């Protein structure tokens, strides 16, 4: 049994994107593990839209190293950077890689893709080199900013008549220069969609892999937000089980359980599992 104290470990966030490099210049922001604090039990994964969930989870897991909460920080981050932070939480203390099993479209052979935090961070660092996205439509060029958490929250709270209206409203809200046509044809929408995906690759994460068995090319689309939220939901379920075990064995209340540091709760749980 490891007796070294491991309190709620804080890990530094990835390097700041340029627009936020001066927000916390002294010491930066760190993220605690999810699934170790009482507040993590209050997250209702089924009751809120994913963008709202992402903001709430990141807000409650982050502090700067002087103890300040990064107010509104995560709402203003790009969607890709928010995903990077969520995946860092989902990877846990040991930075576990993510594994995705697929089957080749050509021969049916199983293909397992591995995605590490280094892979994720490398792609996001490249994406952070540009703050805007330039699009050329019918010889006219205009620029859009990348969507942030606040945009996602607003869009998820708005009722649109159909998908087309939603897409056009989103594009209009992101345009920062040039005259964006009020009515866009499908070619224009596809061009904008392609440019936005290239500029923020984690948002609609497309993996291209050639099968080692038959040589067939494959494309797999992965919803990284769903991956992160699903992992954190499982961590919350594990926390509930841990609370149940401690309450049943020691007859502690939930408040008493969470007054014990996370590393010591793990020690008690190890003793319970060992039958001591």
C-alpha atoms as a PDB file:
ATOM      1  CA  UNK A   1       0.000   0.000   0.000  1.00  0.00           C
ATOM      2  CA  UNK A   2       1.469   3.327  -1.033  1.00  0.00           C
ATOM      3  CA  UNK A   3       1.571   5.653   1.951  1.00  0.00           C
ATOM      4  CA  UNK A   4       2.915   8.701   0.131  1.00  0.00           C
ATOM      5  CA  UNK A   5       0.417  11.545   0.443  1.00  0.00           C
ATOM      6  CA  UNK A   6      -1.314  12.302  -2.836  1.00  0.00           C
ATOM      7  CA  UNK A   7      -3.714  15.162  -2.266  1.00  0.00           C
ATOM      8  CA  UNK A   8      -5.879  16.513  -5.078  1.00  0.00           C
ATOM      9  CA  UNK A   9      -3.037  16.780  -7.559  1.00  0.00           C
ATOM     10  CA  UNK A  10      -2.987  19.866  -9.744  1.00  0.00           C
ATOM     11  CA  UNK A  11      -1.471  19.566 -13.196  1.00  0.00           C
ATOM     12  CA  UNK A  12      -0.533  22.611 -15.279  1.00  0.00           C
ATOM     13  CA  UNK A  13      -2.772  23.334 -18.228  1.00  0.00           C
ATOM     14  CA  UNK A  14      -1.252  23.293 -21.713  1.00  0.00           C
ATOM     15  CA  UNK A  15       0.465  26.438 -22.935  1.00  0.00           C
ATOM     16  CA  UNK A  16      -1.885  29.419 -23.215  1.00  0.00           C
ATOM     17  CA  UNK A  17      -3.242  30.388 -26.608  1.00  0.00           C
ATOM     18  CA  UNK A  18      -2.133  33.892 -27.531  1.00  0.00           C
ATOM     19  CA  UNK A  19      -5.325  35.833 -26.690  1.00  0.00           C
ATOM     20  CA  UNK A  20      -5.152  34.571 -23.090  1.00  0.00           C
ATOM     21  CA  UNK A  21      -1.415  34.648 -22.422  1.00  0.00           C
ATOM     22  CA  UNK A  22      -1.751  37.652 -20.109  1.00  0.00           C
ATOM     23  CA  UNK A  23      -4.792  36.567 -18.100  1.00  0.00           C
ATOM     24  CA  UNK A  24      -2.830  34.783 -15.369  1.00  0.00           C
ATOM     25  CA  UNK A  25       0.769  35.827 -16.064  1.00  0.00           C
ATOM     26  CA  UNK A  26       2.163  35.152 -12.590  1.00  0.00           C
ATOM     27  CA  UNK A  27       1.625  31.461 -12.181  1.00  0.00           C
ATOM     28  CA  UNK A  28      -0.879  30.110 -14.684  1.00  0.00           C
ATOM     29  CA  UNK A  29      -3.869  27.830 -14.284  1.00  0.00           C
ATOM     30  CA  UNK A  30      -3.766  24.249 -13.047  1.00  0.00           C
ATOM     31  CA  UNK A  31      -6.413  21.540 -13.221  1.00  0.00           C
ATOM     32  CA  UNK A  32      -7.296  19.168 -10.426  1.00  0.00           C
ATOM     33  CA  UNK A  33      -8.438  15.633 -11.103  1.00  0.00           C
ATOM     34  CA  UNK A  34     -12.121  15.046 -11.729  1.00  0.00           C
ATOM     35  CA  UNK A  35     -13.832  12.435  -9.596  1.00  0.00           C
ATOM     36  CA  UNK A  36     -12.150  13.248  -6.283  1.00  0.00           C
ATOM     37  CA  UNK A  37     -14.231  16.084  -4.784  1.00  0.00           C
ATOM     38  CA  UNK A  38     -17.767  16.337  -3.471  1.00  0.00           C
ATOM     39  CA  UNK A  39     -18.607  18.951  -6.121  1.00  0.00           C
ATOM     40  CA  UNK A  40     -18.046  16.307  -8.803  1.00  0.00           C
ATOM     41  CA  UNK A  41     -21.078  14.414  -7.551  1.00  0.00           C
ATOM     42  CA  UNK A  42     -23.284  17.441  -8.292  1.00  0.00           C
ATOM     43  CA  UNK A  43     -22.655  17.269 -12.052  1.00  0.00           C
ATOM     44  CA  UNK A  44     -25.807  15.975 -13.771  1.00  0.00           C
ATOM     45  CA  UNK A  45     -24.545  14.669 -17.092  1.00  0.00           C
ATOM     46  CA  UNK A  46     -28.076  14.089 -18.399  1.00  0.00           C
ATOM     47  CA  UNK A  47     -29.642  17.434 -17.498  1.00  0.00           C
ATOM     48  CA  UNK A  48     -27.509  20.013 -19.313  1.00  0.00           C
ATOM     49  CA  UNK A  49     -26.378  20.618 -22.882  1.00  0.00           C
ATOM     50  CA  UNK A  50     -22.792  19.452 -23.550  1.00  0.00           C
ATOM     51  CA  UNK A  51     -21.365  23.006 -23.941  1.00  0.00           C
ATOM     52  CA  UNK A  52     -22.786  23.990 -20.548  1.00  0.00           C
ATOM     53  CA  UNK A  53     -21.465  20.789 -18.985  1.00  0.00           C
ATOM     54  CA  UNK A  54     -17.993  21.401 -20.407  1.00  0.00           C
ATOM     55  CA  UNK A  55     -17.866  24.931 -18.997  1.00  0.00           C
ATOM     56  CA  UNK A  56     -19.100  23.836 -15.585  1.00  0.00           C
ATOM     57  CA  UNK A  57     -16.667  20.937 -15.312  1.00  0.00           C
ATOM     58  CA  UNK A  58     -13.667  22.994 -16.394  1.00  0.00           C
ATOM     59  CA  UNK A  59     -14.648  25.868 -14.109  1.00  0.00           C
ATOM     60  CA  UNK A  60     -14.851  23.676 -11.026  1.00  0.00           C
ATOM     61  CA  UNK A  61     -11.646  21.760 -11.743  1.00  0.00           C
ATOM     62  CA  UNK A  62      -9.486  24.831 -12.384  1.00  0.00           C
ATOM     63  CA  UNK A  63      -7.684  27.285 -10.153  1.00  0.00           C
ATOM     64  CA  UNK A  64      -4.657  29.378 -10.761  1.00  0.00           C
ATOM     65  CA  UNK A  65      -1.812  28.380  -8.474  1.00  0.00           C
ATOM     66  CA  UNK A  66      -2.477  31.413  -6.252  1.00  0.00           C
ATOM     67  CA  UNK A  67      -5.960  30.059  -5.523  1.00  0.00           C
ATOM     68  CA  UNK A  68      -8.030  32.298  -7.794  1.00  0.00           C
ATOM     69  CA  UNK A  69     -10.847  30.917  -9.922  1.00  0.00           C
ATOM     70  CA  UNK A  70     -10.467  31.701 -13.652  1.00  0.00           C
ATOM     71  CA  UNK A  71     -13.798  33.518 -14.050  1.00  0.00           C
ATOM     72  CA  UNK A  72     -15.210  33.304 -17.597  1.00  0.00           C
ATOM     73  CA  UNK A  73     -11.891  31.946 -18.850  1.00  0.00           C
ATOM     74  CA  UNK A  74     -13.271  28.735 -20.317  1.00  0.00           C
ATOM     75  CA  UNK A  75     -16.277  30.357 -21.967  1.00  0.00           C
ATOM     76  CA  UNK A  76     -13.915  32.461 -24.047  1.00  0.00           C
ATOM     77  CA  UNK A  77     -11.574  29.636 -25.048  1.00  0.00           C
ATOM     78  CA  UNK A  78     -11.873  28.133 -28.514  1.00  0.00           C
ATOM     79  CA  UNK A  79     -13.866  24.935 -28.771  1.00  0.00           C
ATOM     80  CA  UNK A  80     -10.722  22.996 -29.667  1.00  0.00           C
ATOM     81  CA  UNK A  81      -8.826  24.260 -26.630  1.00  0.00           C
ATOM     82  CA  UNK A  82     -11.779  23.387 -24.372  1.00  0.00           C
ATOM     83  CA  UNK A  83     -11.714  19.869 -25.806  1.00  0.00           C
ATOM     84  CA  UNK A  84      -7.991  19.611 -25.123  1.00  0.00           C
ATOM     85  CA  UNK A  85      -8.597  20.564 -21.470  1.00  0.00           C
ATOM     86  CA  UNK A  86     -11.488  18.095 -21.153  1.00  0.00           C
ATOM     87  CA  UNK A  87      -9.413  15.269 -22.616  1.00  0.00           C
ATOM     88  CA  UNK A  88      -6.595  16.105 -20.198  1.00  0.00           C
ATOM     89  CA  UNK A  89      -9.084  15.664 -17.344  1.00  0.00           C
ATOM     90  CA  UNK A  90     -10.414  12.449 -18.863  1.00  0.00           C
ATOM     91  CA  UNK A  91      -6.895  11.012 -19.237  1.00  0.00           C
ATOM     92  CA  UNK A  92      -6.506  11.247 -15.459  1.00  0.00           C
ATOM     93  CA  UNK A  93      -3.451  11.555 -13.294  1.00  0.00           C
ATOM     94  CA  UNK A  94      -1.394   9.088 -15.341  1.00  0.00           C
ATOM     95  CA  UNK A  95      -2.232  10.680 -18.700  1.00  0.00           C
ATOM     96  CA  UNK A  96      -3.703   7.480 -20.133  1.00  0.00           C
ATOM     97  CA  UNK A  97      -4.015   7.242 -23.904  1.00  0.00           C
ATOM     98  CA  UNK A  98      -7.413   6.875 -25.571  1.00  0.00           C
ATOM     99  CA  UNK A  99      -8.100   3.744 -27.634  1.00  0.00           C
ATOM    100  CA  UNK A 100     -10.710   3.510 -30.391  1.00  0.00           C
ATOM    101  CA  UNK A 101     -11.577   0.135 -31.991  1.00  0.00           C
ATOM    102  CA  UNK A 102     -12.875   0.278 -35.567  1.00  0.00           C
ATOM    103  CA  UNK A 103     -13.272  -2.170 -38.435  1.00  0.00           C
ATOM    104  CA  UNK A 104     -11.803  -1.760 -41.882  1.00  0.00           C
ATOM    105  CA  UNK A 105     -14.428  -0.900 -44.491  1.00  0.00           C
ATOM    106  CA  UNK A 106     -12.638  -3.096 -46.988  1.00  0.00           C
ATOM    107  CA  UNK A 107     -11.955  -6.386 -45.170  1.00  0.00           C
ATOM    108  CA  UNK A 108     -13.578  -6.004 -41.753  1.00  0.00           C
ATOM    109  CA  UNK A 109     -10.270  -6.362 -39.921  1.00  0.00           C
ATOM    110  CA  UNK A 110     -10.278  -4.647 -36.518  1.00  0.00           C
ATOM    111  CA  UNK A 111      -8.231  -1.469 -36.407  1.00  0.00           C
ATOM    112  CA  UNK A 112      -7.373   0.061 -33.029  1.00  0.00           C
ATOM    113  CA  UNK A 113      -6.418   3.710 -33.000  1.00  0.00           C
ATOM    114  CA  UNK A 114      -4.472   5.191 -30.092  1.00  0.00           C
ATOM    115  CA  UNK A 115      -4.659   8.885 -29.296  1.00  0.00           C
ATOM    116  CA  UNK A 116      -2.324  10.320 -26.667  1.00  0.00           C
ATOM    117  CA  UNK A 117      -2.396  13.683 -24.921  1.00  0.00           C
ATOM    118  CA  UNK A 118       0.798  14.562 -26.792  1.00  0.00           C
ATOM    119  CA  UNK A 119      -1.017  13.913 -30.086  1.00  0.00           C
ATOM    120  CA  UNK A 120      -3.921  16.089 -28.957  1.00  0.00           C
ATOM    121  CA  UNK A 121      -1.724  18.924 -27.721  1.00  0.00           C
ATOM    122  CA  UNK A 122       0.409  18.905 -30.879  1.00  0.00           C
ATOM    123  CA  UNK A 123      -2.657  19.309 -33.075  1.00  0.00           C
ATOM    124  CA  UNK A 124      -4.097  22.024 -30.861  1.00  0.00           C
ATOM    125  CA  UNK A 125      -0.815  23.970 -30.728  1.00  0.00           C
ATOM    126  CA  UNK A 126      -0.811  24.013 -34.514  1.00  0.00           C
ATOM    127  CA  UNK A 127      -4.447  25.153 -34.557  1.00  0.00           C
ATOM    128  CA  UNK A 128      -3.710  27.940 -32.054  1.00  0.00           C
ATOM    129  CA  UNK A 129      -1.260  29.542 -34.477  1.00  0.00           C
ATOM    130  CA  UNK A 130      -4.223  31.201 -36.213  1.00  0.00           C
ATOM    131  CA  UNK A 131      -7.024  33.064 -34.452  1.00  0.00           C
ATOM    132  CA  UNK A 132      -9.193  33.543 -37.549  1.00  0.00           C
ATOM    133  CA  UNK A 133     -10.265  31.504 -40.562  1.00  0.00           C
ATOM    134  CA  UNK A 134     -10.166  32.979 -44.082  1.00  0.00           C
ATOM    135  CA  UNK A 135     -12.651  31.692 -46.651  1.00  0.00           C
ATOM    136  CA  UNK A 136     -12.865  32.462 -50.379  1.00  0.00           C
ATOM    137  CA  UNK A 137     -16.353  32.145 -51.843  1.00  0.00           C
ATOM    138  CA  UNK A 138     -17.136  33.112 -55.439  1.00  0.00           C
ATOM    139  CA  UNK A 139     -14.018  35.251 -55.589  1.00  0.00           C
ATOM    140  CA  UNK A 140     -14.847  37.141 -52.407  1.00  0.00           C
ATOM    141  CA  UNK A 141     -12.790  36.664 -49.271  1.00  0.00           C
ATOM    142  CA  UNK A 142     -14.008  37.047 -45.730  1.00  0.00           C
ATOM    143  CA  UNK A 143     -12.797  36.045 -42.283  1.00  0.00           C
ATOM    144  CA  UNK A 144     -14.455  34.238 -39.417  1.00  0.00           C
ATOM    145  CA  UNK A 145     -13.309  33.888 -35.845  1.00  0.00           C
ATOM    146  CA  UNK A 146     -13.146  30.479 -34.272  1.00  0.00           C
ATOM    147  CA  UNK A 147     -16.158  29.581 -32.120  1.00  0.00           C
ATOM    148  CA  UNK A 148     -15.661  29.603 -28.355  1.00  0.00           C
ATOM    149  CA  UNK A 149     -17.534  28.096 -25.437  1.00  0.00           C
ATOM    150  CA  UNK A 150     -19.832  31.092 -25.144  1.00  0.00           C
ATOM    151  CA  UNK A 151     -20.900  30.647 -28.784  1.00  0.00           C
ATOM    152  CA  UNK A 152     -21.675  26.984 -28.216  1.00  0.00           C
ATOM    153  CA  UNK A 153     -23.755  27.746 -25.133  1.00  0.00           C
ATOM    154  CA  UNK A 154     -25.751  30.390 -26.986  1.00  0.00           C
ATOM    155  CA  UNK A 155     -26.343  28.149 -29.994  1.00  0.00           C
ATOM    156  CA  UNK A 156     -27.461  25.230 -27.832  1.00  0.00           C
ATOM    157  CA  UNK A 157     -29.991  27.483 -26.070  1.00  0.00           C
ATOM    158  CA  UNK A 158     -31.473  28.813 -29.353  1.00  0.00           C
ATOM    159  CA  UNK A 159     -34.338  27.128 -31.199  1.00  0.00           C
ATOM    160  CA  UNK A 160     -33.892  27.151 -34.979  1.00  0.00           C
ATOM    161  CA  UNK A 161     -36.500  26.257 -37.572  1.00  0.00           C
ATOM    162  CA  UNK A 162     -34.163  23.817 -39.310  1.00  0.00           C
ATOM    163  CA  UNK A 163     -30.541  22.842 -39.735  1.00  0.00           C
ATOM    164  CA  UNK A 164     -30.023  25.327 -42.557  1.00  0.00           C
ATOM    165  CA  UNK A 165     -31.181  28.272 -40.427  1.00  0.00           C
ATOM    166  CA  UNK A 166     -28.924  27.126 -37.583  1.00  0.00           C
ATOM    167  CA  UNK A 167     -25.852  26.909 -39.844  1.00  0.00           C
ATOM    168  CA  UNK A 168     -26.458  30.325 -41.411  1.00  0.00           C
ATOM    169  CA  UNK A 169     -26.996  31.926 -37.988  1.00  0.00           C
ATOM    170  CA  UNK A 170     -23.778  30.396 -36.676  1.00  0.00           C
ATOM    171  CA  UNK A 171     -21.767  31.589 -39.674  1.00  0.00           C
ATOM    172  CA  UNK A 172     -23.212  35.097 -39.363  1.00  0.00           C
ATOM    173  CA  UNK A 173     -22.271  35.245 -35.678  1.00  0.00           C
ATOM    174  CA  UNK A 174     -18.656  34.277 -36.438  1.00  0.00           C
ATOM    175  CA  UNK A 175     -18.032  36.597 -39.395  1.00  0.00           C
ATOM    176  CA  UNK A 176     -15.605  39.410 -38.558  1.00  0.00           C
ATOM    177  CA  UNK A 177     -14.734  40.890 -41.944  1.00  0.00           C
ATOM    178  CA  UNK A 178     -16.120  40.927 -45.459  1.00  0.00           C
ATOM    179  CA  UNK A 179     -19.723  40.819 -46.575  1.00  0.00           C
ATOM    180  CA  UNK A 180     -21.093  37.386 -45.757  1.00  0.00           C
ATOM    181  CA  UNK A 181     -24.149  36.659 -47.927  1.00  0.00           C
ATOM    182  CA  UNK A 182     -27.360  36.402 -45.923  1.00  0.00           C
ATOM    183  CA  UNK A 183     -28.326  33.321 -47.934  1.00  0.00           C
ATOM    184  CA  UNK A 184     -25.554  30.802 -48.539  1.00  0.00           C
ATOM    185  CA  UNK A 185     -25.695  28.011 -51.106  1.00  0.00           C
ATOM    186  CA  UNK A 186     -24.525  24.522 -50.213  1.00  0.00           C
ATOM    187  CA  UNK A 187     -21.172  25.043 -51.942  1.00  0.00           C
ATOM    188  CA  UNK A 188     -20.456  28.057 -49.722  1.00  0.00           C
ATOM    189  CA  UNK A 189     -21.529  26.224 -46.575  1.00  0.00           C
ATOM    190  CA  UNK A 190     -19.327  23.248 -47.467  1.00  0.00           C
ATOM    191  CA  UNK A 191     -16.350  25.551 -48.107  1.00  0.00           C
ATOM    192  CA  UNK A 192     -16.811  27.265 -44.741  1.00  0.00           C
ATOM    193  CA  UNK A 193     -17.255  23.927 -42.971  1.00  0.00           C
ATOM    194  CA  UNK A 194     -14.062  22.554 -44.505  1.00  0.00           C
ATOM    195  CA  UNK A 195     -12.071  25.671 -43.585  1.00  0.00           C
ATOM    196  CA  UNK A 196     -13.339  25.643 -39.993  1.00  0.00           C
ATOM    197  CA  UNK A 197     -12.555  21.934 -39.600  1.00  0.00           C
ATOM    198  CA  UNK A 198      -9.024  22.467 -40.917  1.00  0.00           C
ATOM    199  CA  UNK A 199      -8.511  25.369 -38.485  1.00  0.00           C
ATOM    200  CA  UNK A 200      -9.871  23.524 -35.418  1.00  0.00           C
ATOM    201  CA  UNK A 201      -9.268  19.799 -36.092  1.00  0.00           C
ATOM    202  CA  UNK A 202     -10.265  18.512 -32.645  1.00  0.00           C
ATOM    203  CA  UNK A 203     -13.865  19.716 -33.059  1.00  0.00           C
ATOM    204  CA  UNK A 204     -14.806  17.227 -35.788  1.00  0.00           C
ATOM    205  CA  UNK A 205     -11.926  14.841 -35.304  1.00  0.00           C
ATOM    206  CA  UNK A 206     -11.348  12.828 -38.480  1.00  0.00           C
ATOM    207  CA  UNK A 207      -8.855   9.964 -38.458  1.00  0.00           C
ATOM    208  CA  UNK A 208      -7.542   8.602 -41.744  1.00  0.00           C
ATOM    209  CA  UNK A 209      -5.831   5.226 -41.634  1.00  0.00           C
ATOM    210  CA  UNK A 210      -4.866   2.613 -44.220  1.00  0.00           C
ATOM    211  CA  UNK A 211      -5.588  -0.991 -43.278  1.00  0.00           C
ATOM    212  CA  UNK A 212      -2.403  -3.024 -42.786  1.00  0.00           C
ATOM    213  CA  UNK A 213      -4.172  -6.195 -44.000  1.00  0.00           C
ATOM    214  CA  UNK A 214      -5.825  -5.137 -47.258  1.00  0.00           C
ATOM    215  CA  UNK A 215      -4.504  -1.621 -47.851  1.00  0.00           C
ATOM    216  CA  UNK A 216      -7.947  -0.029 -47.943  1.00  0.00           C
ATOM    217  CA  UNK A 217      -8.135   3.638 -46.870  1.00  0.00           C
ATOM    218  CA  UNK A 218     -10.469   4.312 -43.944  1.00  0.00           C
ATOM    219  CA  UNK A 219     -11.916   7.447 -42.375  1.00  0.00           C
ATOM    220  CA  UNK A 220     -13.266   7.465 -38.832  1.00  0.00           C
ATOM    221  CA  UNK A 221     -15.009  10.452 -37.235  1.00  0.00           C
ATOM    222  CA  UNK A 222     -14.603  10.657 -33.444  1.00  0.00           C
ATOM    223  CA  UNK A 223     -16.683  12.909 -31.193  1.00  0.00           C
ATOM    224  CA  UNK A 224     -13.983  13.890 -28.691  1.00  0.00           C
ATOM    225  CA  UNK A 225     -16.435  15.817 -26.524  1.00  0.00           C
ATOM    226  CA  UNK A 226     -18.557  12.690 -26.162  1.00  0.00           C
ATOM    227  CA  UNK A 227     -15.411  10.674 -25.381  1.00  0.00           C
ATOM    228  CA  UNK A 228     -14.351  13.093 -22.628  1.00  0.00           C
ATOM    229  CA  UNK A 229     -17.818  13.412 -21.082  1.00  0.00           C
ATOM    230  CA  UNK A 230     -18.320   9.638 -21.157  1.00  0.00           C
ATOM    231  CA  UNK A 231     -15.020   9.082 -19.349  1.00  0.00           C
ATOM    232  CA  UNK A 232     -15.793  11.711 -16.715  1.00  0.00           C
ATOM    233  CA  UNK A 233     -19.248  10.200 -16.215  1.00  0.00           C
ATOM    234  CA  UNK A 234     -17.561   6.882 -15.421  1.00  0.00           C
ATOM    235  CA  UNK A 235     -15.178   8.588 -12.993  1.00  0.00           C
ATOM    236  CA  UNK A 236     -18.185  10.090 -11.231  1.00  0.00           C
ATOM    237  CA  UNK A 237     -19.772   6.623 -11.000  1.00  0.00           C
ATOM    238  CA  UNK A 238     -16.547   5.265  -9.469  1.00  0.00           C
ATOM    239  CA  UNK A 239     -16.597   8.094  -6.930  1.00  0.00           C
ATOM    240  CA  UNK A 240     -20.164   7.210  -5.949  1.00  0.00           C
ATOM    241  CA  UNK A 241     -19.121   3.584  -5.408  1.00  0.00           C
ATOM    242  CA  UNK A 242     -16.164   4.722  -3.293  1.00  0.00           C
ATOM    243  CA  UNK A 243     -18.412   6.895  -1.131  1.00  0.00           C
ATOM    244  CA  UNK A 244     -20.823   3.981  -0.728  1.00  0.00           C
ATOM    245  CA  UNK A 245     -18.030   1.636   0.387  1.00  0.00           C
ATOM    246  CA  UNK A 246     -16.623   4.102   2.921  1.00  0.00           C
ATOM    247  CA  UNK A 247     -20.061   4.963   4.279  1.00  0.00           C
ATOM    248  CA  UNK A 248     -21.007   1.291   4.601  1.00  0.00           C
ATOM    249  CA  UNK A 249     -17.746   0.291   6.286  1.00  0.00           C
ATOM    250  CA  UNK A 250     -17.022   3.237   8.565  1.00  0.00           C
ATOM    251  CA  UNK A 251     -20.547   4.676   8.861  1.00  0.00           C
ATOM    252  CA  UNK A 252     -19.312   8.108   7.841  1.00  0.00           C
ATOM    253  CA  UNK A 253     -21.592  10.733   6.353  1.00  0.00           C
ATOM    254  CA  UNK A 254     -20.866  12.089   2.865  1.00  0.00           C
ATOM    255  CA  UNK A 255     -19.570  15.304   4.451  1.00  0.00           C
ATOM    256  CA  UNK A 256     -17.214  13.348   6.707  1.00  0.00           C
ATOM    257  CA  UNK A 257     -15.965  11.259   3.779  1.00  0.00           C
ATOM    258  CA  UNK A 258     -15.027  14.315   1.734  1.00  0.00           C
ATOM    259  CA  UNK A 259     -13.306  15.931   4.697  1.00  0.00           C
ATOM    260  CA  UNK A 260     -10.701  13.175   4.307  1.00  0.00           C
ATOM    261  CA  UNK A 261      -8.064  13.936   1.622  1.00  0.00           C
ATOM    262  CA  UNK A 262      -8.355  11.962  -1.587  1.00  0.00           C
ATOM    263  CA  UNK A 263      -5.094  10.043  -1.073  1.00  0.00           C
ATOM    264  CA  UNK A 264      -6.213   8.863   2.377  1.00  0.00           C
ATOM    265  CA  UNK A 265      -9.611   7.770   1.069  1.00  0.00           C
ATOM    266  CA  UNK A 266      -7.735   5.589  -1.404  1.00  0.00           C
ATOM    267  CA  UNK A 267      -5.755   4.054   1.447  1.00  0.00           C
ATOM    268  CA  UNK A 268      -8.960   3.256   3.358  1.00  0.00           C
ATOM    269  CA  UNK A 269     -10.516   1.744   0.242  1.00  0.00           C
ATOM    270  CA  UNK A 270      -7.448  -0.452  -0.264  1.00  0.00           C
ATOM    271  CA  UNK A 271      -7.814  -1.686   3.337  1.00  0.00           C
ATOM    272  CA  UNK A 272     -11.498  -2.454   2.776  1.00  0.00           C
ATOM    273  CA  UNK A 273     -10.682  -4.381  -0.430  1.00  0.00           C
ATOM    274  CA  UNK A 274      -8.002  -6.337   1.454  1.00  0.00           C
ATOM    275  CA  UNK A 275     -10.589  -7.343   4.069  1.00  0.00           C
ATOM    276  CA  UNK A 276      -8.783  -5.705   6.954  1.00  0.00           C
END
